[in-house]
Amino acid sequence: MKRPHNSDFASQFSDDEFNAFCKVEVFGCKTLNFYGTNCSLPCSSNCIHSRCHIETGACHECKPRFSGHHCKLEKENVDEKYLWLYIVVGILITCVVAIVHLIPYVR
């Protein structure tokens, strides 16, 4: 589209100026939270808002405690993993403190 010659800005444009329009198509699943060729595969429930990549099903973001492309890997809670160690260390510290306090009375 050329700028009209009666415009105040006509001198800033050449006669060759024009706008080109392009066609943009957006493809996707009509039903949210699904992916695949026929949009028949559900996104993982461990994806935040169950949203995933339309072709691969990879989650955009995982819910807390989950990781991996499809948020299928559950992260171990560090406190639960080492709970037995905390208990043993607590018992040992209690024993050492008790022995240290009893030594003066044994002599």
PDB file of N, CA and C in Angstrom:
ATOM      1  N   MET A   1       0.851  -1.161   0.000  1.00  0.00           N
ATOM      2  CA  MET A   1       0.000   0.000   0.000  1.00  0.00           C
ATOM      3  C   MET A   1       0.904   1.234   0.000  1.00  0.00           C
ATOM      4  N   LYS A   2       0.657   2.102  -0.910  1.00  0.00           N
ATOM      5  CA  LYS A   2       1.476   3.310  -1.001  1.00  0.00           C
ATOM      6  C   LYS A   2       0.911   4.385  -0.098  1.00  0.00           C
ATOM      7  N   ARG A   3       1.788   5.257   0.373  1.00  0.00           N
ATOM      8  CA  ARG A   3       1.388   6.402   1.181  1.00  0.00           C
ATOM      9  C   ARG A   3       0.766   7.437   0.240  1.00  0.00           C
ATOM     10  N   PRO A   4      -0.404   7.960   0.576  1.00  0.00           N
ATOM     11  CA  PRO A   4      -1.024   8.952  -0.312  1.00  0.00           C
ATOM     12  C   PRO A   4      -0.122  10.182  -0.450  1.00  0.00           C
ATOM     13  N   HIS A   5      -0.086  10.738  -1.667  1.00  0.00           N
ATOM     14  CA  HIS A   5       0.778  11.891  -1.934  1.00  0.00           C
ATOM     15  C   HIS A   5       0.297  13.159  -1.241  1.00  0.00           C
ATOM     16  N   ASN A   6      -0.966  13.214  -0.867  1.00  0.00           N
ATOM     17  CA  ASN A   6      -1.450  14.417  -0.201  1.00  0.00           C
ATOM     18  C   ASN A   6      -1.171  14.397   1.297  1.00  0.00           C
ATOM     19  N   SER A   7      -0.485  13.391   1.793  1.00  0.00           N
ATOM     20  CA  SER A   7      -0.148  13.278   3.214  1.00  0.00           C
ATOM     21  C   SER A   7       1.002  14.223   3.547  1.00  0.00           C
ATOM     22  N   ASP A   8       1.025  14.713   4.777  1.00  0.00           N
ATOM     23  CA  ASP A   8       2.118  15.585   5.222  1.00  0.00           C
ATOM     24  C   ASP A   8       3.447  14.840   5.241  1.00  0.00           C
ATOM     25  N   PHE A   9       3.387  13.514   5.370  1.00  0.00           N
ATOM     26  CA  PHE A   9       4.602  12.714   5.464  1.00  0.00           C
ATOM     27  C   PHE A   9       4.996  12.103   4.125  1.00  0.00           C
ATOM     28  N   ALA A  10       4.308  12.472   3.062  1.00  0.00           N
ATOM     29  CA  ALA A  10       4.558  11.856   1.758  1.00  0.00           C
ATOM     30  C   ALA A  10       6.009  11.998   1.325  1.00  0.00           C
ATOM     31  N   SER A  11       6.655  13.069   1.704  1.00  0.00           N
ATOM     32  CA  SER A  11       8.036  13.287   1.278  1.00  0.00           C
ATOM     33  C   SER A  11       9.005  12.315   1.935  1.00  0.00           C
ATOM     34  N   GLN A  12       8.593  11.670   3.052  1.00  0.00           N
ATOM     35  CA  GLN A  12       9.473  10.739   3.760  1.00  0.00           C
ATOM     36  C   GLN A  12       9.418   9.334   3.175  1.00  0.00           C
ATOM     37  N   PHE A  13       8.502   9.082   2.254  1.00  0.00           N
ATOM     38  CA  PHE A  13       8.331   7.755   1.691  1.00  0.00           C
ATOM     39  C   PHE A  13       8.570   7.791   0.197  1.00  0.00           C
ATOM     40  N   SER A  14       9.088   6.708  -0.310  1.00  0.00           N
ATOM     41  CA  SER A  14       9.265   6.624  -1.760  1.00  0.00           C
ATOM     42  C   SER A  14       8.002   6.042  -2.377  1.00  0.00           C
ATOM     43  N   ASP A  15       7.913   6.106  -3.683  1.00  0.00           N
ATOM     44  CA  ASP A  15       6.762   5.550  -4.379  1.00  0.00           C
ATOM     45  C   ASP A  15       6.761   4.014  -4.317  1.00  0.00           C
ATOM     46  N   ASP A  16       7.890   3.457  -3.888  1.00  0.00           N
ATOM     47  CA  ASP A  16       8.013   1.992  -3.839  1.00  0.00           C
ATOM     48  C   ASP A  16       7.622   1.405  -2.478  1.00  0.00           C
ATOM     49  N   GLU A  17       7.253   2.247  -1.552  1.00  0.00           N
ATOM     50  CA  GLU A  17       6.873   1.754  -0.221  1.00  0.00           C
ATOM     51  C   GLU A  17       5.559   0.996  -0.289  1.00  0.00           C
ATOM     52  N   PHE A  18       5.498  -0.108   0.399  1.00  0.00           N
ATOM     53  CA  PHE A  18       4.257  -0.879   0.444  1.00  0.00           C
ATOM     54  C   PHE A  18       4.258  -1.774   1.679  1.00  0.00           C
ATOM     55  N   ASN A  19       3.110  -2.288   2.026  1.00  0.00           N
ATOM     56  CA  ASN A  19       2.954  -3.245   3.121  1.00  0.00           C
ATOM     57  C   ASN A  19       2.639  -4.603   2.524  1.00  0.00           C
ATOM     58  N   ALA A  20       3.240  -5.612   3.073  1.00  0.00           N
ATOM     59  CA  ALA A  20       2.947  -6.978   2.639  1.00  0.00           C
ATOM     60  C   ALA A  20       2.250  -7.695   3.788  1.00  0.00           C
ATOM     61  N   PHE A  21       1.251  -8.442   3.478  1.00  0.00           N
ATOM     62  CA  PHE A  21       0.528  -9.201   4.490  1.00  0.00           C
ATOM     63  C   PHE A  21       0.819 -10.675   4.286  1.00  0.00           C
ATOM     64  N   CYS A  22       0.929 -11.369   5.372  1.00  0.00           N
ATOM     65  CA  CYS A  22       1.163 -12.795   5.258  1.00  0.00           C
ATOM     66  C   CYS A  22       0.068 -13.546   6.019  1.00  0.00           C
ATOM     67  N   LYS A  23      -0.127 -14.766   5.643  1.00  0.00           N
ATOM     68  CA  LYS A  23      -1.156 -15.595   6.255  1.00  0.00           C
ATOM     69  C   LYS A  23      -0.507 -16.388   7.392  1.00  0.00           C
ATOM     70  N   VAL A  24      -1.125 -16.359   8.550  1.00  0.00           N
ATOM     71  CA  VAL A  24      -0.625 -17.100   9.703  1.00  0.00           C
ATOM     72  C   VAL A  24      -1.690 -18.097  10.136  1.00  0.00           C
ATOM     73  N   GLU A  25      -1.298 -19.353  10.224  1.00  0.00           N
ATOM     74  CA  GLU A  25      -2.219 -20.382  10.689  1.00  0.00           C
ATOM     75  C   GLU A  25      -1.710 -20.916  12.023  1.00  0.00           C
ATOM     76  N   VAL A  26      -2.609 -21.106  12.954  1.00  0.00           N
ATOM     77  CA  VAL A  26      -2.247 -21.634  14.271  1.00  0.00           C
ATOM     78  C   VAL A  26      -2.904 -23.000  14.417  1.00  0.00           C
ATOM     79  N   PHE A  27      -2.089 -23.990  14.666  1.00  0.00           N
ATOM     80  CA  PHE A  27      -2.600 -25.343  14.826  1.00  0.00           C
ATOM     81  C   PHE A  27      -2.494 -25.744  16.281  1.00  0.00           C
ATOM     82  N   GLY A  28      -3.420 -26.528  16.730  1.00  0.00           N
ATOM     83  CA  GLY A  28      -3.391 -26.999  18.104  1.00  0.00           C
ATOM     84  C   GLY A  28      -4.571 -27.895  18.374  1.00  0.00           C
ATOM     85  N   CYS A  29      -4.591 -28.418  19.578  1.00  0.00           N
ATOM     86  CA  CYS A  29      -5.693 -29.271  19.992  1.00  0.00           C
ATOM     87  C   CYS A  29      -6.853 -28.396  20.444  1.00  0.00           C
ATOM     88  N   LYS A  30      -8.049 -28.781  20.041  1.00  0.00           N
ATOM     89  CA  LYS A  30      -9.231 -28.027  20.463  1.00  0.00           C
ATOM     90  C   LYS A  30      -9.507 -28.245  21.941  1.00  0.00           C
ATOM     91  N   THR A  31      -9.123 -29.418  22.444  1.00  0.00           N
ATOM     92  CA  THR A  31      -9.310 -29.729  23.855  1.00  0.00           C
ATOM     93  C   THR A  31      -7.996 -29.486  24.592  1.00  0.00           C
ATOM     94  N   LEU A  32      -8.033 -28.648  25.622  1.00  0.00           N
ATOM     95  CA  LEU A  32      -6.825 -28.377  26.403  1.00  0.00           C
ATOM     96  C   LEU A  32      -6.359 -29.643  27.116  1.00  0.00           C
ATOM     97  N   ASN A  33      -5.095 -29.673  27.467  1.00  0.00           N
ATOM     98  CA  ASN A  33      -4.477 -30.729  28.272  1.00  0.00           C
ATOM     99  C   ASN A  33      -4.337 -32.049  27.532  1.00  0.00           C
ATOM    100  N   PHE A  34      -4.330 -32.008  26.188  1.00  0.00           N
ATOM    101  CA  PHE A  34      -4.093 -33.199  25.386  1.00  0.00           C
ATOM    102  C   PHE A  34      -3.014 -32.890  24.361  1.00  0.00           C
ATOM    103  N   TYR A  35      -2.372 -33.942  23.846  1.00  0.00           N
ATOM    104  CA  TYR A  35      -1.331 -33.761  22.839  1.00  0.00           C
ATOM    105  C   TYR A  35      -1.335 -34.965  21.903  1.00  0.00           C
ATOM    106  N   GLY A  36      -0.463 -34.915  20.914  1.00  0.00           N
ATOM    107  CA  GLY A  36      -0.318 -36.022  19.968  1.00  0.00           C
ATOM    108  C   GLY A  36      -0.952 -35.702  18.627  1.00  0.00           C
ATOM    109  N   THR A  37      -0.760 -36.616  17.668  1.00  0.00           N
ATOM    110  CA  THR A  37      -1.254 -36.418  16.311  1.00  0.00           C
ATOM    111  C   THR A  37      -2.755 -36.162  16.271  1.00  0.00           C
ATOM    112  N   ASN A  38      -3.504 -36.932  17.024  1.00  0.00           N
ATOM    113  CA  ASN A  38      -4.958 -36.773  17.047  1.00  0.00           C
ATOM    114  C   ASN A  38      -5.447 -36.085  18.316  1.00  0.00           C
ATOM    115  N   CYS A  39      -4.519 -35.506  19.073  1.00  0.00           N
ATOM    116  CA  CYS A  39      -4.864 -34.850  20.340  1.00  0.00           C
ATOM    117  C   CYS A  39      -5.618 -35.813  21.259  1.00  0.00           C
ATOM    118  N   SER A  40      -5.187 -37.061  21.269  1.00  0.00           N
ATOM    119  CA  SER A  40      -5.885 -38.078  22.047  1.00  0.00           C
ATOM    120  C   SER A  40      -5.129 -38.498  23.307  1.00  0.00           C
ATOM    121  N   LEU A  41      -3.912 -37.992  23.476  1.00  0.00           N
ATOM    122  CA  LEU A  41      -3.101 -38.374  24.636  1.00  0.00           C
ATOM    123  C   LEU A  41      -3.179 -37.282  25.697  1.00  0.00           C
ATOM    124  N   PRO A  42      -3.525 -37.644  26.931  1.00  0.00           N
ATOM    125  CA  PRO A  42      -3.620 -36.618  27.978  1.00  0.00           C
ATOM    126  C   PRO A  42      -2.241 -36.196  28.472  1.00  0.00           C
ATOM    127  N   CYS A  43      -2.101 -34.923  28.759  1.00  0.00           N
ATOM    128  CA  CYS A  43      -0.865 -34.436  29.388  1.00  0.00           C
ATOM    129  C   CYS A  43      -0.782 -35.028  30.791  1.00  0.00           C
ATOM    130  N   SER A  44       0.420 -35.156  31.305  1.00  0.00           N
ATOM    131  CA  SER A  44       0.611 -35.699  32.656  1.00  0.00           C
ATOM    132  C   SER A  44      -0.107 -34.839  33.691  1.00  0.00           C
ATOM    133  N   SER A  45      -0.695 -35.502  34.647  1.00  0.00           N
ATOM    134  CA  SER A  45      -1.360 -34.762  35.735  1.00  0.00           C
ATOM    135  C   SER A  45      -0.337 -34.088  36.639  1.00  0.00           C
ATOM    136  N   ASN A  46       0.955 -34.440  36.465  1.00  0.00           N
ATOM    137  CA  ASN A  46       2.008 -33.817  37.258  1.00  0.00           C
ATOM    138  C   ASN A  46       2.552 -32.546  36.599  1.00  0.00           C
ATOM    139  N   CYS A  47       2.046 -32.217  35.402  1.00  0.00           N
ATOM    140  CA  CYS A  47       2.379 -30.934  34.773  1.00  0.00           C
ATOM    141  C   CYS A  47       1.536 -29.862  35.457  1.00  0.00           C
ATOM    142  N   ILE A  48       2.112 -28.692  35.666  1.00  0.00           N
ATOM    143  CA  ILE A  48       1.332 -27.603  36.238  1.00  0.00           C
ATOM    144  C   ILE A  48       0.210 -27.262  35.260  1.00  0.00           C
ATOM    145  N   HIS A  49      -1.004 -27.218  35.757  1.00  0.00           N
ATOM    146  CA  HIS A  49      -2.223 -26.978  34.981  1.00  0.00           C
ATOM    147  C   HIS A  49      -2.432 -28.042  33.904  1.00  0.00           C
ATOM    148  N   SER A  50      -1.724 -29.180  34.016  1.00  0.00           N
ATOM    149  CA  SER A  50      -1.798 -30.278  33.030  1.00  0.00           C
ATOM    150  C   SER A  50      -1.549 -29.784  31.604  1.00  0.00           C
ATOM    151  N   ARG A  51      -0.683 -28.783  31.452  1.00  0.00           N
ATOM    152  CA  ARG A  51      -0.352 -28.238  30.136  1.00  0.00           C
ATOM    153  C   ARG A  51       0.958 -28.854  29.660  1.00  0.00           C
ATOM    154  N   CYS A  52       0.993 -29.221  28.368  1.00  0.00           N
ATOM    155  CA  CYS A  52       2.204 -29.840  27.826  1.00  0.00           C
ATOM    156  C   CYS A  52       2.389 -29.472  26.355  1.00  0.00           C
ATOM    157  N   HIS A  53       3.557 -29.849  25.818  1.00  0.00           N
ATOM    158  CA  HIS A  53       3.891 -29.584  24.415  1.00  0.00           C
ATOM    159  C   HIS A  53       2.921 -30.357  23.533  1.00  0.00           C
ATOM    160  N   ILE A  54       2.411 -29.706  22.506  1.00  0.00           N
ATOM    161  CA  ILE A  54       1.348 -30.283  21.683  1.00  0.00           C
ATOM    162  C   ILE A  54       1.787 -31.525  20.900  1.00  0.00           C
ATOM    163  N   GLU A  55       3.091 -31.647  20.595  1.00  0.00           N
ATOM    164  CA  GLU A  55       3.560 -32.801  19.828  1.00  0.00           C
ATOM    165  C   GLU A  55       4.188 -33.872  20.698  1.00  0.00           C
ATOM    166  N   THR A  56       5.004 -33.463  21.680  1.00  0.00           N
ATOM    167  CA  THR A  56       5.770 -34.430  22.468  1.00  0.00           C
ATOM    168  C   THR A  56       5.130 -34.779  23.806  1.00  0.00           C
ATOM    169  N   GLY A  57       4.275 -33.924  24.316  1.00  0.00           N
ATOM    170  CA  GLY A  57       3.674 -34.156  25.626  1.00  0.00           C
ATOM    171  C   GLY A  57       4.570 -33.729  26.774  1.00  0.00           C
ATOM    172  N   ALA A  58       5.732 -33.137  26.466  1.00  0.00           N
ATOM    173  CA  ALA A  58       6.648 -32.685  27.521  1.00  0.00           C
ATOM    174  C   ALA A  58       5.991 -31.538  28.287  1.00  0.00           C
ATOM    175  N   CYS A  59       6.070 -31.610  29.602  1.00  0.00           N
ATOM    176  CA  CYS A  59       5.464 -30.572  30.443  1.00  0.00           C
ATOM    177  C   CYS A  59       6.244 -29.269  30.321  1.00  0.00           C
ATOM    178  N   HIS A  60       5.529 -28.174  30.369  1.00  0.00           N
ATOM    179  CA  HIS A  60       6.180 -26.867  30.369  1.00  0.00           C
ATOM    180  C   HIS A  60       6.785 -26.597  31.741  1.00  0.00           C
ATOM    181  N   GLU A  61       6.127 -27.071  32.792  1.00  0.00           N
ATOM    182  CA  GLU A  61       6.608 -26.899  34.168  1.00  0.00           C
ATOM    183  C   GLU A  61       5.979 -28.005  35.014  1.00  0.00           C
ATOM    184  N   CYS A  62       6.793 -28.601  35.887  1.00  0.00           N
ATOM    185  CA  CYS A  62       6.312 -29.689  36.749  1.00  0.00           C
ATOM    186  C   CYS A  62       5.784 -29.155  38.071  1.00  0.00           C
ATOM    187  N   LYS A  63       4.855 -29.925  38.638  1.00  0.00           N
ATOM    188  CA  LYS A  63       4.380 -29.624  39.983  1.00  0.00           C
ATOM    189  C   LYS A  63       5.527 -29.905  40.950  1.00  0.00           C
ATOM    190  N   PRO A  64       5.487 -29.299  42.158  1.00  0.00           N
ATOM    191  CA  PRO A  64       6.539 -29.564  43.140  1.00  0.00           C
ATOM    192  C   PRO A  64       6.679 -31.068  43.375  1.00  0.00           C
ATOM    193  N   ARG A  65       7.900 -31.511  43.628  1.00  0.00           N
ATOM    194  CA  ARG A  65       8.249 -32.907  43.900  1.00  0.00           C
ATOM    195  C   ARG A  65       8.352 -33.764  42.652  1.00  0.00           C
ATOM    196  N   PHE A  66       8.144 -33.197  41.430  1.00  0.00           N
ATOM    197  CA  PHE A  66       8.239 -33.987  40.214  1.00  0.00           C
ATOM    198  C   PHE A  66       9.225 -33.342  39.255  1.00  0.00           C
ATOM    199  N   SER A  67       9.849 -34.193  38.402  1.00  0.00           N
ATOM    200  CA  SER A  67      10.807 -33.698  37.424  1.00  0.00           C
ATOM    201  C   SER A  67      10.762 -34.588  36.192  1.00  0.00           C
ATOM    202  N   GLY A  68      11.550 -34.229  35.188  1.00  0.00           N
ATOM    203  CA  GLY A  68      11.595 -34.986  33.942  1.00  0.00           C
ATOM    204  C   GLY A  68      10.724 -34.340  32.891  1.00  0.00           C
ATOM    205  N   HIS A  69      10.877 -34.805  31.644  1.00  0.00           N
ATOM    206  CA  HIS A  69      10.127 -34.207  30.527  1.00  0.00           C
ATOM    207  C   HIS A  69       8.619 -34.314  30.726  1.00  0.00           C
ATOM    208  N   HIS A  70       8.173 -35.445  31.247  1.00  0.00           N
ATOM    209  CA  HIS A  70       6.744 -35.647  31.454  1.00  0.00           C
ATOM    210  C   HIS A  70       6.373 -35.603  32.943  1.00  0.00           C
ATOM    211  N   CYS A  71       7.302 -35.105  33.745  1.00  0.00           N
ATOM    212  CA  CYS A  71       7.081 -34.952  35.197  1.00  0.00           C
ATOM    213  C   CYS A  71       6.680 -36.270  35.843  1.00  0.00           C
ATOM    214  N   LYS A  72       7.305 -37.338  35.399  1.00  0.00           N
ATOM    215  CA  LYS A  72       6.991 -38.667  35.948  1.00  0.00           C
ATOM    216  C   LYS A  72       7.950 -39.065  37.065  1.00  0.00           C
ATOM    217  N   LEU A  73       9.100 -38.378  37.160  1.00  0.00           N
ATOM    218  CA  LEU A  73      10.094 -38.719  38.176  1.00  0.00           C
ATOM    219  C   LEU A  73       9.767 -37.990  39.471  1.00  0.00           C
ATOM    220  N   GLU A  74       9.515 -38.759  40.512  1.00  0.00           N
ATOM    221  CA  GLU A  74       9.201 -38.147  41.797  1.00  0.00           C
ATOM    222  C   GLU A  74      10.494 -37.909  42.547  1.00  0.00           C
ATOM    223  N   LYS A  75      10.686 -36.680  42.968  1.00  0.00           N
ATOM    224  CA  LYS A  75      11.881 -36.327  43.721  1.00  0.00           C
ATOM    225  C   LYS A  75      11.733 -36.857  45.139  1.00  0.00           C
ATOM    226  N   GLU A  76      12.823 -37.419  45.651  1.00  0.00           N
ATOM    227  CA  GLU A  76      12.785 -37.902  47.027  1.00  0.00           C
ATOM    228  C   GLU A  76      12.881 -36.731  47.985  1.00  0.00           C
ATOM    229  N   ASN A  77      12.132 -36.812  49.032  1.00  0.00           N
ATOM    230  CA  ASN A  77      12.203 -35.800  50.076  1.00  0.00           C
ATOM    231  C   ASN A  77      13.462 -36.093  50.883  1.00  0.00           C
ATOM    232  N   VAL A  78      14.398 -35.170  50.919  1.00  0.00           N
ATOM    233  CA  VAL A  78      15.679 -35.384  51.599  1.00  0.00           C
ATOM    234  C   VAL A  78      15.454 -35.725  53.065  1.00  0.00           C
ATOM    235  N   ASP A  79      14.518 -35.076  53.721  1.00  0.00           N
ATOM    236  CA  ASP A  79      14.263 -35.350  55.135  1.00  0.00           C
ATOM    237  C   ASP A  79      13.815 -36.788  55.343  1.00  0.00           C
ATOM    238  N   GLU A  80      12.974 -37.320  54.469  1.00  0.00           N
ATOM    239  CA  GLU A  80      12.527 -38.700  54.596  1.00  0.00           C
ATOM    240  C   GLU A  80      13.657 -39.669  54.295  1.00  0.00           C
ATOM    241  N   LYS A  81      14.480 -39.340  53.322  1.00  0.00           N
ATOM    242  CA  LYS A  81      15.572 -40.218  52.915  1.00  0.00           C
ATOM    243  C   LYS A  81      16.579 -40.423  54.038  1.00  0.00           C
ATOM    244  N   TYR A  82      16.862 -39.382  54.786  1.00  0.00           N
ATOM    245  CA  TYR A  82      17.875 -39.460  55.831  1.00  0.00           C
ATOM    246  C   TYR A  82      17.284 -39.497  57.238  1.00  0.00           C
ATOM    247  N   LEU A  83      16.007 -39.786  57.358  1.00  0.00           N
ATOM    248  CA  LEU A  83      15.358 -39.798  58.661  1.00  0.00           C
ATOM    249  C   LEU A  83      16.033 -40.778  59.616  1.00  0.00           C
ATOM    250  N   TRP A  84      16.350 -41.978  59.138  1.00  0.00           N
ATOM    251  CA  TRP A  84      16.997 -42.973  60.007  1.00  0.00           C
ATOM    252  C   TRP A  84      18.346 -42.463  60.499  1.00  0.00           C
ATOM    253  N   LEU A  85      19.078 -41.748  59.647  1.00  0.00           N
ATOM    254  CA  LEU A  85      20.382 -41.199  60.041  1.00  0.00           C
ATOM    255  C   LEU A  85      20.208 -40.145  61.125  1.00  0.00           C
ATOM    256  N   TYR A  86      19.200 -39.292  60.991  1.00  0.00           N
ATOM    257  CA  TYR A  86      18.921 -38.270  62.008  1.00  0.00           C
ATOM    258  C   TYR A  86      18.592 -38.922  63.355  1.00  0.00           C
ATOM    259  N   ILE A  87      17.854 -40.012  63.317  1.00  0.00           N
ATOM    260  CA  ILE A  87      17.482 -40.707  64.562  1.00  0.00           C
ATOM    261  C   ILE A  87      18.716 -41.291  65.232  1.00  0.00           C
ATOM    262  N   VAL A  88      19.573 -41.968  64.467  1.00  0.00           N
ATOM    263  CA  VAL A  88      20.787 -42.579  65.032  1.00  0.00           C
ATOM    264  C   VAL A  88      21.716 -41.512  65.592  1.00  0.00           C
ATOM    265  N   VAL A  89      21.918 -40.437  64.861  1.00  0.00           N
ATOM    266  CA  VAL A  89      22.789 -39.354  65.336  1.00  0.00           C
ATOM    267  C   VAL A  89      22.206 -38.735  66.596  1.00  0.00           C
ATOM    268  N   GLY A  90      20.897 -38.558  66.651  1.00  0.00           N
ATOM    269  CA  GLY A  90      20.249 -38.008  67.847  1.00  0.00           C
ATOM    270  C   GLY A  90      20.460 -38.896  69.064  1.00  0.00           C
ATOM    271  N   ILE A  91      20.348 -40.207  68.869  1.00  0.00           N
ATOM    272  CA  ILE A  91      20.560 -41.154  69.986  1.00  0.00           C
ATOM    273  C   ILE A  91      22.012 -41.098  70.448  1.00  0.00           C
ATOM    274  N   LEU A  92      22.956 -41.068  69.510  1.00  0.00           N
ATOM    275  CA  LEU A  92      24.375 -41.000  69.880  1.00  0.00           C
ATOM    276  C   LEU A  92      24.693 -39.720  70.646  1.00  0.00           C
ATOM    277  N   ILE A  93      24.168 -38.598  70.199  1.00  0.00           N
ATOM    278  CA  ILE A  93      24.413 -37.325  70.896  1.00  0.00           C
ATOM    279  C   ILE A  93      23.824 -37.377  72.300  1.00  0.00           C
ATOM    280  N   THR A  94      22.644 -37.931  72.437  1.00  0.00           N
ATOM    281  CA  THR A  94      22.010 -38.050  73.756  1.00  0.00           C
ATOM    282  C   THR A  94      22.859 -38.913  74.677  1.00  0.00           C
ATOM    283  N   CYS A  95      23.393 -40.025  74.171  1.00  0.00           N
ATOM    284  CA  CYS A  95      24.246 -40.906  74.971  1.00  0.00           C
ATOM    285  C   CYS A  95      25.534 -40.199  75.402  1.00  0.00           C
ATOM    286  N   VAL A  96      26.164 -39.482  74.476  1.00  0.00           N
ATOM    287  CA  VAL A  96      27.410 -38.777  74.808  1.00  0.00           C
ATOM    288  C   VAL A  96      27.141 -37.716  75.870  1.00  0.00           C
ATOM    289  N   VAL A  97      26.051 -36.950  75.717  1.00  0.00           N
ATOM    290  CA  VAL A  97      25.727 -35.919  76.699  1.00  0.00           C
ATOM    291  C   VAL A  97      25.447 -36.551  78.055  1.00  0.00           C
ATOM    292  N   ALA A  98      24.747 -37.667  78.089  1.00  0.00           N
ATOM    293  CA  ALA A  98      24.444 -38.352  79.354  1.00  0.00           C
ATOM    294  C   ALA A  98      25.719 -38.851  80.020  1.00  0.00           C
ATOM    295  N   ILE A  99      26.618 -39.415  79.237  1.00  0.00           N
ATOM    296  CA  ILE A  99      27.886 -39.931  79.800  1.00  0.00           C
ATOM    297  C   ILE A  99      28.730 -38.783  80.342  1.00  0.00           C
ATOM    298  N   VAL A 100      28.812 -37.683  79.607  1.00  0.00           N
ATOM    299  CA  VAL A 100      29.606 -36.537  80.048  1.00  0.00           C
ATOM    300  C   VAL A 100      29.050 -35.988  81.360  1.00  0.00           C
ATOM    301  N   HIS A 101      27.764 -35.975  81.540  1.00  0.00           N
ATOM    302  CA  HIS A 101      27.164 -35.461  82.761  1.00  0.00           C
ATOM    303  C   HIS A 101      27.273 -36.454  83.924  1.00  0.00           C
ATOM    304  N   LEU A 102      27.396 -37.741  83.621  1.00  0.00           N
ATOM    305  CA  LEU A 102      27.487 -38.747  84.683  1.00  0.00           C
ATOM    306  C   LEU A 102      28.915 -38.968  85.180  1.00  0.00           C
ATOM    307  N   ILE A 103      29.946 -38.622  84.397  1.00  0.00           N
ATOM    308  CA  ILE A 103      31.334 -38.858  84.772  1.00  0.00           C
ATOM    309  C   ILE A 103      31.680 -38.215  86.124  1.00  0.00           C
ATOM    310  N   PRO A 104      31.296 -36.975  86.364  1.00  0.00           N
ATOM    311  CA  PRO A 104      31.663 -36.393  87.670  1.00  0.00           C
ATOM    312  C   PRO A 104      31.046 -37.144  88.863  1.00  0.00           C
ATOM    313  N   TYR A 105      29.908 -37.769  88.695  1.00  0.00           N
ATOM    314  CA  TYR A 105      29.246 -38.469  89.797  1.00  0.00           C
ATOM    315  C   TYR A 105      29.825 -39.857  90.022  1.00  0.00           C
ATOM    316  N   VAL A 106      30.480 -40.458  89.007  1.00  0.00           N
ATOM    317  CA  VAL A 106      31.040 -41.786  89.138  1.00  0.00           C
ATOM    318  C   VAL A 106      32.341 -41.736  89.915  1.00  0.00           C
ATOM    319  N   ARG A 107      33.063 -40.699  89.866  1.00  0.00           N
ATOM    320  CA  ARG A 107      34.364 -40.596  90.536  1.00  0.00           C
ATOM    321  C   ARG A 107      34.169 -40.470  91.967  1.00  0.00           C
TER     322      ARG A 107
END
